[in-house]
Protein backbone atom coordinates (compact mmCIF):
# COMPACT_ATOMS: atom_id res chain seq x y z
CA UNK A 1 44.21 66.29 41.46
CA UNK A 2 41.55 65.02 43.87
CA UNK A 3 41.71 67.67 46.36
CA UNK A 4 38.49 69.65 46.41
CA UNK A 5 37.16 72.84 47.32
CA UNK A 6 36.00 71.60 50.98
CA UNK A 7 39.08 72.59 52.87
CA UNK A 8 42.42 70.22 52.55
CA UNK A 9 40.43 67.32 52.13
CA UNK A 10 41.09 65.10 48.70
CA UNK A 11 37.78 63.19 47.51
CA UNK A 12 38.63 60.22 48.90
CA UNK A 13 39.02 61.20 51.94
CA UNK A 14 36.66 61.92 54.91
CA UNK A 15 36.08 62.62 58.84
CA UNK A 16 33.63 62.93 61.25
CA UNK A 17 32.13 66.43 59.83
CA UNK A 18 33.37 66.08 55.89
CA UNK A 19 31.96 63.67 53.91
CA UNK A 20 34.03 62.01 51.20
CA UNK A 21 33.45 63.93 48.08
CA UNK A 22 33.41 62.89 44.24
CA UNK A 23 32.96 63.47 40.65
CA UNK A 24 32.14 61.92 37.53
CA UNK A 25 35.03 60.21 35.31
CA UNK A 26 37.72 59.87 37.94
CA UNK A 27 38.77 56.46 36.64
CA UNK A 28 40.77 55.39 40.38
CA UNK A 29 37.42 56.75 42.62
CA UNK A 30 33.90 54.94 40.34
CA UNK A 31 31.18 55.37 42.19
CA UNK A 32 30.52 52.28 43.78
CA UNK A 33 33.63 53.47 45.74
CA UNK A 34 32.26 56.79 46.61
CA UNK A 35 28.77 55.12 48.11
CA UNK A 36 31.24 52.74 50.09
CA UNK A 37 33.11 55.99 52.26
CA UNK A 38 30.07 57.66 52.23
CA UNK A 39 28.65 54.48 54.03
CA UNK A 40 31.30 54.89 56.30
CA UNK A 41 31.09 58.21 57.11
CA UNK A 42 27.20 57.72 57.95
CA UNK A 43 28.15 55.88 60.29
CA UNK A 44 30.84 57.94 62.02
CA UNK A 45 29.35 61.56 61.60
CA UNK A 46 28.30 63.70 64.30
CA UNK A 47 26.11 65.69 61.96
CA UNK A 48 22.51 66.43 62.39
CA UNK A 49 20.30 63.97 59.87
CA UNK A 50 19.27 67.53 58.68
CA UNK A 51 22.73 68.44 57.18
CA UNK A 52 23.91 65.28 56.43
CA UNK A 53 22.41 65.82 52.80
CA UNK A 54 24.24 69.50 52.52
CA UNK A 55 27.44 68.11 53.63
CA UNK A 56 27.57 65.53 50.74
CA UNK A 57 26.07 67.82 48.42
CA UNK A 58 29.14 70.55 49.31
CA UNK A 59 31.77 67.81 48.39
CA UNK A 60 30.52 66.88 44.82
CA UNK A 61 32.35 68.56 41.90
CA UNK A 62 31.04 69.24 38.73
CA UNK A 63 27.41 67.83 37.17
CA UNK A 64 26.51 65.66 40.24
CA UNK A 65 26.97 68.58 42.46
CA UNK A 66 24.89 70.94 39.53
CA UNK A 67 22.66 68.13 39.78
CA UNK A 68 21.92 67.66 43.37
CA UNK A 69 21.49 71.79 43.58
CA UNK A 70 18.73 70.97 41.41
CA UNK A 71 16.52 68.55 44.13
């Protein structure tokens, strides 16, 4: 399933405080589709700019999450 660890939202879903999620290898949800959703989220979020990155990282899964933690 595409349900993540961040509440009950699937990786495809987002709201003002929760960005979309993503993990590598989902055939029906390629990285460009995630980027499109992330741009939409960026336009509607009320989160301060300094908290947005952490919110996005929290919604990644697998290797992308591990790589983001290294930055």
